[in-house]
PDB file of all heavy atoms in Angstrom:
ATOM      1  N   SER A   1       0.807  -1.255  -0.004  1.00  0.00           N
ATOM      2  CA  SER A   1       0.001  -0.010  -0.004  1.00  0.00           C
ATOM      3  C   SER A   1       0.830   1.267   0.001  1.00  0.00           C
ATOM      4  O   SER A   1       0.511   2.243  -0.727  1.00  0.00           O
ATOM      5  CB  SER A   1      -0.953   0.007   1.201  1.00  0.00           C
ATOM      6  OG  SER A   1      -2.058  -0.844   0.970  1.00  0.00           O
ATOM      7  N   LEU A   2       1.860   1.327   0.802  1.00  0.00           N
ATOM      8  CA  LEU A   2       2.664   2.564   0.849  1.00  0.00           C
ATOM      9  C   LEU A   2       3.385   2.817  -0.464  1.00  0.00           C
ATOM     10  O   LEU A   2       3.491   3.966  -0.912  1.00  0.00           O
ATOM     11  CB  LEU A   2       3.646   2.508   2.006  1.00  0.00           C
ATOM     12  CG  LEU A   2       3.011   2.550   3.411  1.00  0.00           C
ATOM     13  CD1 LEU A   2       4.107   2.360   4.475  1.00  0.00           C
ATOM     14  CD2 LEU A   2       2.254   3.841   3.621  1.00  0.00           C
ATOM     15  N   LEU A   3       3.827   1.739  -1.122  1.00  0.00           N
ATOM     16  CA  LEU A   3       4.450   1.870  -2.437  1.00  0.00           C
ATOM     17  C   LEU A   3       3.413   2.361  -3.439  1.00  0.00           C
ATOM     18  O   LEU A   3       3.680   3.251  -4.273  1.00  0.00           O
ATOM     19  CB  LEU A   3       5.031   0.545  -2.859  1.00  0.00           C
ATOM     20  CG  LEU A   3       5.646   0.473  -4.271  1.00  0.00           C
ATOM     21  CD1 LEU A   3       6.765   1.475  -4.462  1.00  0.00           C
ATOM     22  CD2 LEU A   3       6.147  -0.951  -4.547  1.00  0.00           C
ATOM     23  N   LEU A   4       2.223   1.787  -3.390  1.00  0.00           N
ATOM     24  CA  LEU A   4       1.151   2.204  -4.290  1.00  0.00           C
ATOM     25  C   LEU A   4       0.805   3.653  -4.099  1.00  0.00           C
ATOM     26  O   LEU A   4       0.587   4.413  -5.033  1.00  0.00           O
ATOM     27  CB  LEU A   4      -0.121   1.349  -4.076  1.00  0.00           C
ATOM     28  CG  LEU A   4      -0.079  -0.098  -4.516  1.00  0.00           C
ATOM     29  CD1 LEU A   4      -1.362  -0.798  -4.114  1.00  0.00           C
ATOM     30  CD2 LEU A   4       0.114  -0.204  -6.043  1.00  0.00           C
ATOM     31  N   ARG A   5       0.749   4.081  -2.846  1.00  0.00           N
ATOM     32  CA  ARG A   5       0.414   5.472  -2.557  1.00  0.00           C
ATOM     33  C   ARG A   5       1.452   6.418  -3.147  1.00  0.00           C
ATOM     34  O   ARG A   5       1.119   7.445  -3.766  1.00  0.00           O
ATOM     35  CB  ARG A   5       0.261   5.709  -1.060  1.00  0.00           C
ATOM     36  CG  ARG A   5      -0.260   7.094  -0.727  1.00  0.00           C
ATOM     37  CD  ARG A   5      -0.256   7.365   0.744  1.00  0.00           C
ATOM     38  NE  ARG A   5       1.101   7.455   1.271  1.00  0.00           N
ATOM     39  CZ  ARG A   5       1.383   7.548   2.588  1.00  0.00           C
ATOM     40  NH1 ARG A   5       0.426   7.511   3.481  1.00  0.00           N
ATOM     41  NH2 ARG A   5       2.637   7.631   2.977  1.00  0.00           N
ATOM     42  N   ASP A   6       2.735   6.066  -2.951  1.00  0.00           N
ATOM     43  CA  ASP A   6       3.791   6.909  -3.499  1.00  0.00           C
ATOM     44  C   ASP A   6       3.672   6.989  -5.015  1.00  0.00           C
ATOM     45  O   ASP A   6       3.807   8.074  -5.619  1.00  0.00           O
ATOM     46  CB  ASP A   6       5.164   6.380  -3.096  1.00  0.00           C
ATOM     47  CG  ASP A   6       5.521   6.609  -1.666  1.00  0.00           C
ATOM     48  OD1 ASP A   6       4.817   7.452  -1.016  1.00  0.00           O
ATOM     49  OD2 ASP A   6       6.448   5.985  -1.162  1.00  0.00           O
ATOM     50  N   LEU A   7       3.442   5.888  -5.619  1.00  0.00           N
ATOM     51  CA  LEU A   7       3.344   5.814  -7.087  1.00  0.00           C
ATOM     52  C   LEU A   7       2.183   6.671  -7.598  1.00  0.00           C
ATOM     53  O   LEU A   7       2.341   7.483  -8.513  1.00  0.00           O
ATOM     54  CB  LEU A   7       3.156   4.351  -7.514  1.00  0.00           C
ATOM     55  CG  LEU A   7       3.061   4.062  -9.004  1.00  0.00           C
ATOM     56  CD1 LEU A   7       4.317   4.471  -9.747  1.00  0.00           C
ATOM     57  CD2 LEU A   7       2.723   2.599  -9.226  1.00  0.00           C
ATOM     58  N   ILE A   8       1.017   6.510  -6.968  1.00  0.00           N
ATOM     59  CA  ILE A   8      -0.183   7.234  -7.411  1.00  0.00           C
ATOM     60  C   ILE A   8      -0.061   8.712  -7.102  1.00  0.00           C
ATOM     61  O   ILE A   8      -0.363   9.558  -7.973  1.00  0.00           O
ATOM     62  CB  ILE A   8      -1.450   6.634  -6.738  1.00  0.00           C
ATOM     63  CG1 ILE A   8      -1.667   5.193  -7.202  1.00  0.00           C
ATOM     64  CG2 ILE A   8      -2.657   7.494  -7.005  1.00  0.00           C
ATOM     65  CD1 ILE A   8      -1.938   5.041  -8.673  1.00  0.00           C
ATOM     66  N   GLU A   9       0.354   9.057  -5.913  1.00  0.00           N
ATOM     67  CA  GLU A   9       0.421  10.489  -5.533  1.00  0.00           C
ATOM     68  C   GLU A   9       1.492  11.230  -6.306  1.00  0.00           C
ATOM     69  O   GLU A   9       1.308  12.390  -6.702  1.00  0.00           O
ATOM     70  CB  GLU A   9       0.646  10.613  -4.040  1.00  0.00           C
ATOM     71  CG  GLU A   9      -0.582  10.196  -3.248  1.00  0.00           C
ATOM     72  CD  GLU A   9      -0.437  10.449  -1.727  1.00  0.00           C
ATOM     73  OE1 GLU A   9       0.673  10.927  -1.309  1.00  0.00           O
ATOM     74  OE2 GLU A   9      -1.386  10.216  -0.963  1.00  0.00           O
ATOM     75  N   GLU A  10       2.616  10.601  -6.580  1.00  0.00           N
ATOM     76  CA  GLU A  10       3.650  11.253  -7.395  1.00  0.00           C
ATOM     77  C   GLU A  10       3.134  11.467  -8.796  1.00  0.00           C
ATOM     78  O   GLU A  10       3.436  12.496  -9.420  1.00  0.00           O
ATOM     79  CB  GLU A  10       4.928  10.376  -7.402  1.00  0.00           C
ATOM     80  CG  GLU A  10       5.761  10.517  -6.164  1.00  0.00           C
ATOM     81  CD  GLU A  10       6.373  11.896  -5.983  1.00  0.00           C
ATOM     82  OE1 GLU A  10       7.006  12.384  -6.925  1.00  0.00           O
ATOM     83  OE2 GLU A  10       6.190  12.481  -4.891  1.00  0.00           O
ATOM     84  N   THR A  11       2.343  10.537  -9.310  1.00  0.00           N
ATOM     85  CA  THR A  11       1.794  10.697 -10.651  1.00  0.00           C
ATOM     86  C   THR A  11       0.803  11.851 -10.670  1.00  0.00           C
ATOM     87  O   THR A  11       0.805  12.695 -11.581  1.00  0.00           O
ATOM     88  CB  THR A  11       1.120   9.388 -11.112  1.00  0.00           C
ATOM     89  OG1 THR A  11       2.096   8.341 -11.101  1.00  0.00           O
ATOM     90  CG2 THR A  11       0.575   9.537 -12.522  1.00  0.00           C
ATOM     91  N   LEU A  12      -0.060  11.942  -9.676  1.00  0.00           N
ATOM     92  CA  LEU A  12      -1.058  12.996  -9.614  1.00  0.00           C
ATOM     93  C   LEU A  12      -0.445  14.382  -9.465  1.00  0.00           C
ATOM     94  O   LEU A  12      -0.985  15.377  -9.958  1.00  0.00           O
ATOM     95  CB  LEU A  12      -2.047  12.751  -8.457  1.00  0.00           C
ATOM     96  CG  LEU A  12      -3.037  11.602  -8.624  1.00  0.00           C
ATOM     97  CD1 LEU A  12      -3.857  11.443  -7.354  1.00  0.00           C
ATOM     98  CD2 LEU A  12      -3.941  11.833  -9.826  1.00  0.00           C
ATOM     99  N   THR A  13       0.668  14.461  -8.766  1.00  0.00           N
ATOM    100  CA  THR A  13       1.272  15.784  -8.513  1.00  0.00           C
ATOM    101  C   THR A  13       2.298  16.146  -9.574  1.00  0.00           C
ATOM    102  O   THR A  13       2.947  17.213  -9.482  1.00  0.00           O
ATOM    103  CB  THR A  13       1.967  15.801  -7.121  1.00  0.00           C
ATOM    104  OG1 THR A  13       2.838  14.673  -6.979  1.00  0.00           O
ATOM    105  CG2 THR A  13       0.916  15.764  -6.016  1.00  0.00           C
ATOM    106  N   HIS A  14       2.466  15.329 -10.595  1.00  0.00           N
ATOM    107  CA  HIS A  14       3.360  15.612 -11.736  1.00  0.00           C
ATOM    108  C   HIS A  14       2.621  15.207 -13.013  1.00  0.00           C
ATOM    109  O   HIS A  14       3.099  14.417 -13.804  1.00  0.00           O
ATOM    110  CB  HIS A  14       4.701  14.882 -11.607  1.00  0.00           C
ATOM    111  CG  HIS A  14       5.483  15.256 -10.418  1.00  0.00           C
ATOM    112  ND1 HIS A  14       5.236  14.767  -9.160  1.00  0.00           N
ATOM    113  CD2 HIS A  14       6.528  16.151 -10.293  1.00  0.00           C
ATOM    114  CE1 HIS A  14       6.093  15.301  -8.295  1.00  0.00           C
ATOM    115  NE2 HIS A  14       6.878  16.139  -8.945  1.00  0.00           N
ATOM    116  N   ALA A  15       1.420  15.787 -13.206  1.00  0.00           N
ATOM    117  CA  ALA A  15       0.486  15.254 -14.180  1.00  0.00           C
ATOM    118  C   ALA A  15       0.502  15.913 -15.551  1.00  0.00           C
ATOM    119  O   ALA A  15      -0.302  15.592 -16.405  1.00  0.00           O
ATOM    120  CB  ALA A  15      -0.916  15.294 -13.604  1.00  0.00           C
ATOM    121  N   ASP A  16       1.364  16.914 -15.761  1.00  0.00           N
ATOM    122  CA  ASP A  16       1.367  17.607 -17.026  1.00  0.00           C
ATOM    123  C   ASP A  16       1.546  16.622 -18.189  1.00  0.00           C
ATOM    124  O   ASP A  16       2.454  15.809 -18.191  1.00  0.00           O
ATOM    125  CB  ASP A  16       2.484  18.658 -17.069  1.00  0.00           C
ATOM    126  CG  ASP A  16       2.173  19.855 -16.192  1.00  0.00           C
ATOM    127  OD1 ASP A  16       1.027  19.937 -15.706  1.00  0.00           O
ATOM    128  OD2 ASP A  16       3.105  20.652 -15.975  1.00  0.00           O
ATOM    129  N   GLY A  17       0.685  16.732 -19.178  1.00  0.00           N
ATOM    130  CA  GLY A  17       0.835  15.912 -20.363  1.00  0.00           C
ATOM    131  C   GLY A  17       0.210  14.558 -20.302  1.00  0.00           C
ATOM    132  O   GLY A  17       0.232  13.798 -21.276  1.00  0.00           O
ATOM    133  N   ILE A  18      -0.330  14.160 -19.148  1.00  0.00           N
ATOM    134  CA  ILE A  18      -0.963  12.840 -19.036  1.00  0.00           C
ATOM    135  C   ILE A  18      -2.354  12.888 -19.705  1.00  0.00           C
ATOM    136  O   ILE A  18      -3.071  13.857 -19.566  1.00  0.00           O
ATOM    137  CB  ILE A  18      -1.082  12.407 -17.566  1.00  0.00           C
ATOM    138  CG1 ILE A  18       0.308  12.199 -16.952  1.00  0.00           C
ATOM    139  CG2 ILE A  18      -1.912  11.117 -17.418  1.00  0.00           C
ATOM    140  CD1 ILE A  18       0.285  11.844 -15.464  1.00  0.00           C
ATOM    141  N   ASP A  19      -2.700  11.855 -20.406  1.00  0.00           N
ATOM    142  CA  ASP A  19      -3.988  11.778 -21.059  1.00  0.00           C
ATOM    143  C   ASP A  19      -5.076  12.033 -20.043  1.00  0.00           C
ATOM    144  O   ASP A  19      -5.148  11.403 -18.980  1.00  0.00           O
ATOM    145  CB  ASP A  19      -4.166  10.369 -21.669  1.00  0.00           C
ATOM    146  CG  ASP A  19      -5.505  10.198 -22.361  1.00  0.00           C
ATOM    147  OD1 ASP A  19      -6.503   9.902 -21.656  1.00  0.00           O
ATOM    148  OD2 ASP A  19      -5.570  10.431 -23.594  1.00  0.00           O
ATOM    149  N   PRO A  20      -6.011  12.965 -20.314  1.00  0.00           N
ATOM    150  CA  PRO A  20      -7.019  13.354 -19.344  1.00  0.00           C
ATOM    151  C   PRO A  20      -7.890  12.181 -18.864  1.00  0.00           C
ATOM    152  O   PRO A  20      -8.236  12.119 -17.677  1.00  0.00           O
ATOM    153  CB  PRO A  20      -7.859  14.411 -20.084  1.00  0.00           C
ATOM    154  CG  PRO A  20      -6.939  14.969 -21.115  1.00  0.00           C
ATOM    155  CD  PRO A  20      -6.054  13.824 -21.545  1.00  0.00           C
ATOM    156  N   GLU A  21      -8.239  11.268 -19.745  1.00  0.00           N
ATOM    157  CA  GLU A  21      -9.087  10.143 -19.326  1.00  0.00           C
ATOM    158  C   GLU A  21      -8.318   9.220 -18.399  1.00  0.00           C
ATOM    159  O   GLU A  21      -8.863   8.710 -17.399  1.00  0.00           O
ATOM    160  CB  GLU A  21      -9.575   9.387 -20.558  1.00  0.00           C
ATOM    161  CG  GLU A  21     -10.625  10.145 -21.364  1.00  0.00           C
ATOM    162  CD  GLU A  21     -11.243   9.295 -22.457  1.00  0.00           C
ATOM    163  OE1 GLU A  21     -10.933   8.067 -22.491  1.00  0.00           O
ATOM    164  OE2 GLU A  21     -11.963   9.858 -23.286  1.00  0.00           O
ATOM    165  N   VAL A  22      -7.038   8.993 -18.694  1.00  0.00           N
ATOM    166  CA  VAL A  22      -6.237   8.145 -17.831  1.00  0.00           C
ATOM    167  C   VAL A  22      -6.008   8.819 -16.491  1.00  0.00           C
ATOM    168  O   VAL A  22      -6.101   8.181 -15.429  1.00  0.00           O
ATOM    169  CB  VAL A  22      -4.872   7.808 -18.499  1.00  0.00           C
ATOM    170  CG1 VAL A  22      -3.995   6.984 -17.557  1.00  0.00           C
ATOM    171  CG2 VAL A  22      -5.112   7.062 -19.822  1.00  0.00           C
ATOM    172  N   LEU A  23      -5.754  10.132 -16.522  1.00  0.00           N
ATOM    173  CA  LEU A  23      -5.553  10.852 -15.267  1.00  0.00           C
ATOM    174  C   LEU A  23      -6.810  10.813 -14.416  1.00  0.00           C
ATOM    175  O   LEU A  23      -6.739  10.653 -13.175  1.00  0.00           O
ATOM    176  CB  LEU A  23      -5.179  12.297 -15.578  1.00  0.00           C
ATOM    177  CG  LEU A  23      -4.827  13.166 -14.367  1.00  0.00           C
ATOM    178  CD1 LEU A  23      -3.627  12.614 -13.613  1.00  0.00           C
ATOM    179  CD2 LEU A  23      -4.577  14.613 -14.819  1.00  0.00           C
ATOM    180  N   ALA A  24      -7.969  10.930 -15.017  1.00  0.00           N
ATOM    181  CA  ALA A  24      -9.233  10.881 -14.248  1.00  0.00           C
ATOM    182  C   ALA A  24      -9.395   9.512 -13.598  1.00  0.00           C
ATOM    183  O   ALA A  24      -9.879   9.386 -12.470  1.00  0.00           O
ATOM    184  CB  ALA A  24     -10.415  11.185 -15.188  1.00  0.00           C
ATOM    185  N   GLU A  25      -9.005   8.456 -14.301  1.00  0.00           N
ATOM    186  CA  GLU A  25      -9.114   7.117 -13.754  1.00  0.00           C
ATOM    187  C   GLU A  25      -8.123   6.908 -12.607  1.00  0.00           C
ATOM    188  O   GLU A  25      -8.449   6.309 -11.584  1.00  0.00           O
ATOM    189  CB  GLU A  25      -8.865   6.066 -14.829  1.00  0.00           C
ATOM    190  CG  GLU A  25      -8.727   4.641 -14.322  1.00  0.00           C
ATOM    191  CD  GLU A  25      -9.893   4.181 -13.462  1.00  0.00           C
ATOM    192  OE1 GLU A  25     -11.024   4.758 -13.555  1.00  0.00           O
ATOM    193  OE2 GLU A  25      -9.709   3.253 -12.655  1.00  0.00           O
ATOM    194  N   ILE A  26      -6.915   7.450 -12.723  1.00  0.00           N
ATOM    195  CA  ILE A  26      -5.948   7.372 -11.641  1.00  0.00           C
ATOM    196  C   ILE A  26      -6.467   8.117 -10.420  1.00  0.00           C
ATOM    197  O   ILE A  26      -6.318   7.677  -9.285  1.00  0.00           O
ATOM    198  CB  ILE A  26      -4.581   7.926 -12.093  1.00  0.00           C
ATOM    199  CG1 ILE A  26      -3.980   7.029 -13.191  1.00  0.00           C
ATOM    200  CG2 ILE A  26      -3.593   8.011 -10.912  1.00  0.00           C
ATOM    201  CD1 ILE A  26      -2.725   7.611 -13.837  1.00  0.00           C
ATOM    202  N   ARG A  27      -7.089   9.248 -10.660  1.00  0.00           N
ATOM    203  CA  ARG A  27      -7.655  10.038  -9.534  1.00  0.00           C
ATOM    204  C   ARG A  27      -8.814   9.277  -8.875  1.00  0.00           C
ATOM    205  O   ARG A  27      -8.957   9.304  -7.669  1.00  0.00           O
ATOM    206  CB  ARG A  27      -8.103  11.407 -10.056  1.00  0.00           C
ATOM    207  CG  ARG A  27      -8.687  12.319  -8.993  1.00  0.00           C
ATOM    208  CD  ARG A  27      -8.734  13.766  -9.410  1.00  0.00           C
ATOM    209  NE  ARG A  27      -7.468  14.427  -9.191  1.00  0.00           N
ATOM    210  CZ  ARG A  27      -6.676  14.861 -10.180  1.00  0.00           C
ATOM    211  NH1 ARG A  27      -7.045  14.709 -11.450  1.00  0.00           N
ATOM    212  NH2 ARG A  27      -5.529  15.458  -9.903  1.00  0.00           N
ATOM    213  N   ARG A  28      -9.657   8.623  -9.685  1.00  0.00           N
ATOM    214  CA  ARG A  28     -10.736   7.816  -9.101  1.00  0.00           C
ATOM    215  C   ARG A  28     -10.168   6.742  -8.193  1.00  0.00           C
ATOM    216  O   ARG A  28     -10.612   6.535  -7.052  1.00  0.00           O
ATOM    217  CB  ARG A  28     -11.562   7.176 -10.223  1.00  0.00           C
ATOM    218  CG  ARG A  28     -12.744   6.302  -9.692  1.00  0.00           C
ATOM    219  CD  ARG A  28     -13.206   5.305 -10.758  1.00  0.00           C
ATOM    220  NE  ARG A  28     -12.183   4.323 -11.040  1.00  0.00           N
ATOM    221  CZ  ARG A  28     -12.061   3.185 -10.340  1.00  0.00           C
ATOM    222  NH1 ARG A  28     -12.836   2.904  -9.318  1.00  0.00           N
ATOM    223  NH2 ARG A  28     -11.098   2.321 -10.645  1.00  0.00           N
ATOM    224  N   TYR A  29      -9.168   6.046  -8.680  1.00  0.00           N
ATOM    225  CA  TYR A  29      -8.529   4.982  -7.885  1.00  0.00           C
ATOM    226  C   TYR A  29      -7.915   5.548  -6.623  1.00  0.00           C
ATOM    227  O   TYR A  29      -8.023   4.972  -5.538  1.00  0.00           O
ATOM    228  CB  TYR A  29      -7.477   4.275  -8.747  1.00  0.00           C
ATOM    229  CG  TYR A  29      -6.690   3.198  -8.046  1.00  0.00           C
ATOM    230  CD1 TYR A  29      -7.189   1.896  -7.982  1.00  0.00           C
ATOM    231  CD2 TYR A  29      -5.476   3.457  -7.429  1.00  0.00           C
ATOM    232  CE1 TYR A  29      -6.471   0.878  -7.350  1.00  0.00           C
ATOM    233  CE2 TYR A  29      -4.762   2.450  -6.792  1.00  0.00           C
ATOM    234  CZ  TYR A  29      -5.268   1.165  -6.731  1.00  0.00           C
ATOM    235  OH  TYR A  29      -4.550   0.160  -6.102  1.00  0.00           O
ATOM    236  N   ALA A  30      -7.254   6.718  -6.763  1.00  0.00           N
ATOM    237  CA  ALA A  30      -6.622   7.342  -5.594  1.00  0.00           C
ATOM    238  C   ALA A  30      -7.650   7.687  -4.523  1.00  0.00           C
ATOM    239  O   ALA A  30      -7.406   7.513  -3.336  1.00  0.00           O
ATOM    240  CB  ALA A  30      -5.850   8.599  -6.033  1.00  0.00           C
ATOM    241  N   LYS A  31      -8.790   8.200  -4.902  1.00  0.00           N
ATOM    242  CA  LYS A  31      -9.821   8.569  -3.935  1.00  0.00           C
ATOM    243  C   LYS A  31     -10.286   7.345  -3.159  1.00  0.00           C
ATOM    244  O   LYS A  31     -10.473   7.397  -1.925  1.00  0.00           O
ATOM    245  CB  LYS A  31     -10.977   9.291  -4.614  1.00  0.00           C
ATOM    246  CG  LYS A  31     -10.619  10.673  -5.128  1.00  0.00           C
ATOM    247  CD  LYS A  31     -11.778  11.292  -5.915  1.00  0.00           C
ATOM    248  CE  LYS A  31     -11.402  12.654  -6.452  1.00  0.00           C
ATOM    249  NZ  LYS A  31     -12.477  13.233  -7.293  1.00  0.00           N
ATOM    250  N   LEU A  32     -10.500   6.223  -3.875  1.00  0.00           N
ATOM    251  CA  LEU A  32     -10.892   5.017  -3.205  1.00  0.00           C
ATOM    252  C   LEU A  32      -9.759   4.540  -2.277  1.00  0.00           C
ATOM    253  O   LEU A  32     -10.037   4.061  -1.162  1.00  0.00           O
ATOM    254  CB  LEU A  32     -11.234   3.928  -4.214  1.00  0.00           C
ATOM    255  CG  LEU A  32     -12.480   4.170  -5.053  1.00  0.00           C
ATOM    256  CD1 LEU A  32     -12.605   3.057  -6.109  1.00  0.00           C
ATOM    257  CD2 LEU A  32     -13.699   4.220  -4.199  1.00  0.00           C
ATOM    258  N   PHE A  33      -8.545   4.680  -2.716  1.00  0.00           N
ATOM    259  CA  PHE A  33      -7.394   4.289  -1.889  1.00  0.00           C
ATOM    260  C   PHE A  33      -7.378   5.135  -0.605  1.00  0.00           C
ATOM    261  O   PHE A  33      -7.207   4.613   0.506  1.00  0.00           O
ATOM    262  CB  PHE A  33      -6.086   4.528  -2.688  1.00  0.00           C
ATOM    263  CG  PHE A  33      -4.841   4.046  -1.979  1.00  0.00           C
ATOM    264  CD1 PHE A  33      -4.242   2.877  -2.347  1.00  0.00           C
ATOM    265  CD2 PHE A  33      -4.266   4.840  -0.980  1.00  0.00           C
ATOM    266  CE1 PHE A  33      -3.073   2.463  -1.707  1.00  0.00           C
ATOM    267  CE2 PHE A  33      -3.107   4.439  -0.363  1.00  0.00           C
ATOM    268  CZ  PHE A  33      -2.516   3.229  -0.683  1.00  0.00           C
ATOM    269  N   TRP A  34      -7.543   6.444  -0.725  1.00  0.00           N
ATOM    270  CA  TRP A  34      -7.476   7.346   0.462  1.00  0.00           C
ATOM    271  C   TRP A  34      -8.615   7.031   1.424  1.00  0.00           C
ATOM    272  O   TRP A  34      -8.389   6.980   2.642  1.00  0.00           O
ATOM    273  CB  TRP A  34      -7.538   8.781  -0.009  1.00  0.00           C
ATOM    274  CG  TRP A  34      -6.328   9.255  -0.721  1.00  0.00           C
ATOM    275  CD1 TRP A  34      -5.027   8.933  -0.465  1.00  0.00           C
ATOM    276  CD2 TRP A  34      -6.295  10.166  -1.843  1.00  0.00           C
ATOM    277  NE1 TRP A  34      -4.175   9.552  -1.359  1.00  0.00           N
ATOM    278  CE2 TRP A  34      -4.911  10.313  -2.209  1.00  0.00           C
ATOM    279  CE3 TRP A  34      -7.257  10.857  -2.554  1.00  0.00           C
ATOM    280  CZ2 TRP A  34      -4.518  11.146  -3.245  1.00  0.00           C
ATOM    281  CZ3 TRP A  34      -6.861  11.691  -3.597  1.00  0.00           C
ATOM    282  CH2 TRP A  34      -5.505  11.843  -3.941  1.00  0.00           C
ATOM    283  N   VAL A  35      -9.833   6.857   0.900  1.00  0.00           N
ATOM    284  CA  VAL A  35     -10.962   6.572   1.765  1.00  0.00           C
ATOM    285  C   VAL A  35     -10.745   5.279   2.552  1.00  0.00           C
ATOM    286  O   VAL A  35     -11.046   5.189   3.749  1.00  0.00           O
ATOM    287  CB  VAL A  35     -12.255   6.468   0.949  1.00  0.00           C
ATOM    288  CG1 VAL A  35     -13.368   5.847   1.774  1.00  0.00           C
ATOM    289  CG2 VAL A  35     -12.679   7.863   0.482  1.00  0.00           C
ATOM    290  N   ASN A  36     -10.149   4.271   1.906  1.00  0.00           N
ATOM    291  CA  ASN A  36     -10.047   2.921   2.469  1.00  0.00           C
ATOM    292  C   ASN A  36      -8.695   2.575   3.060  1.00  0.00           C
ATOM    293  O   ASN A  36      -8.480   1.453   3.498  1.00  0.00           O
ATOM    294  CB  ASN A  36     -10.431   1.878   1.416  1.00  0.00           C
ATOM    295  CG  ASN A  36     -11.891   1.981   0.976  1.00  0.00           C
ATOM    296  OD1 ASN A  36     -12.783   1.686   1.751  1.00  0.00           O
ATOM    297  ND2 ASN A  36     -12.122   2.387  -0.238  1.00  0.00           N
ATOM    298  N   ASN A  37      -7.772   3.550   3.069  1.00  0.00           N
ATOM    299  CA  ASN A  37      -6.427   3.304   3.575  1.00  0.00           C
ATOM    300  C   ASN A  37      -5.743   2.166   2.820  1.00  0.00           C
ATOM    301  O   ASN A  37      -5.015   1.346   3.392  1.00  0.00           O
ATOM    302  CB  ASN A  37      -6.453   2.991   5.071  1.00  0.00           C
ATOM    303  CG  ASN A  37      -6.697   4.225   5.904  1.00  0.00           C
ATOM    304  OD1 ASN A  37      -5.921   5.176   5.888  1.00  0.00           O
ATOM    305  ND2 ASN A  37      -7.812   4.216   6.636  1.00  0.00           N
ATOM    306  N   GLY A  38      -5.957   2.114   1.526  1.00  0.00           N
ATOM    307  CA  GLY A  38      -5.346   1.072   0.729  1.00  0.00           C
ATOM    308  C   GLY A  38      -6.292   0.645  -0.386  1.00  0.00           C
ATOM    309  O   GLY A  38      -7.399   1.166  -0.520  1.00  0.00           O
ATOM    310  N   PRO A  39      -5.895  -0.360  -1.159  1.00  0.00           N
ATOM    311  CA  PRO A  39      -6.719  -0.734  -2.327  1.00  0.00           C
ATOM    312  C   PRO A  39      -7.970  -1.554  -1.939  1.00  0.00           C
ATOM    313  O   PRO A  39      -8.839  -1.734  -2.789  1.00  0.00           O
ATOM    314  CB  PRO A  39      -5.744  -1.570  -3.156  1.00  0.00           C
ATOM    315  CG  PRO A  39      -4.740  -2.104  -2.204  1.00  0.00           C
ATOM    316  CD  PRO A  39      -4.585  -1.054  -1.157  1.00  0.00           C
ATOM    317  N   HIS A  40      -8.033  -2.049  -0.692  1.00  0.00           N
ATOM    318  CA  HIS A  40      -9.166  -2.893  -0.320  1.00  0.00           C
ATOM    319  C   HIS A  40     -10.229  -2.100   0.433  1.00  0.00           C
ATOM    320  O   HIS A  40      -9.921  -1.291   1.292  1.00  0.00           O
ATOM    321  CB  HIS A  40      -8.671  -4.046   0.585  1.00  0.00           C
ATOM    322  CG  HIS A  40      -7.712  -4.975  -0.102  1.00  0.00           C
ATOM    323  ND1 HIS A  40      -6.368  -4.743  -0.104  1.00  0.00           N
ATOM    324  CD2 HIS A  40      -7.911  -6.130  -0.788  1.00  0.00           C
ATOM    325  CE1 HIS A  40      -5.746  -5.731  -0.757  1.00  0.00           C
ATOM    326  NE2 HIS A  40      -6.678  -6.550  -1.198  1.00  0.00           N
ATOM    327  N   SER A  41     -11.469  -2.385   0.117  1.00  0.00           N
ATOM    328  CA  SER A  41     -12.608  -1.685   0.722  1.00  0.00           C
ATOM    329  C   SER A  41     -12.647  -1.886   2.207  1.00  0.00           C
ATOM    330  O   SER A  41     -12.525  -3.015   2.721  1.00  0.00           O
ATOM    331  CB  SER A  41     -13.911  -2.160   0.083  1.00  0.00           C
ATOM    332  OG  SER A  41     -15.033  -1.688   0.844  1.00  0.00           O
ATOM    333  N   ALA A  42     -12.899  -0.788   2.968  1.00  0.00           N
ATOM    334  CA  ALA A  42     -13.075  -0.890   4.403  1.00  0.00           C
ATOM    335  C   ALA A  42     -14.365  -1.603   4.755  1.00  0.00           C
ATOM    336  O   ALA A  42     -14.521  -2.098   5.896  1.00  0.00           O
ATOM    337  CB  ALA A  42     -13.058   0.507   5.022  1.00  0.00           C
ATOM    338  N   LEU A  43     -15.275  -1.687   3.838  1.00  0.00           N
ATOM    339  CA  LEU A  43     -16.578  -2.254   4.124  1.00  0.00           C
ATOM    340  C   LEU A  43     -16.706  -3.709   3.687  1.00  0.00           C
ATOM    341  O   LEU A  43     -17.167  -4.555   4.466  1.00  0.00           O
ATOM    342  CB  LEU A  43     -17.679  -1.423   3.436  1.00  0.00           C
ATOM    343  CG  LEU A  43     -19.096  -1.567   3.946  1.00  0.00           C
ATOM    344  CD1 LEU A  43     -19.181  -1.059   5.371  1.00  0.00           C
ATOM    345  CD2 LEU A  43     -20.058  -0.822   3.050  1.00  0.00           C
TER     346      LEU A  43
END
């Protein structure tokens, strides 16, 4: 999880030139990650 977070957050904060649709999907995944403290659902 910590490696995934670094990978995702570094991508989001250096996003110039990234395809908008791909960036939107990375952001969707990141929000779920942040809410759940990792890739797995808290529920």
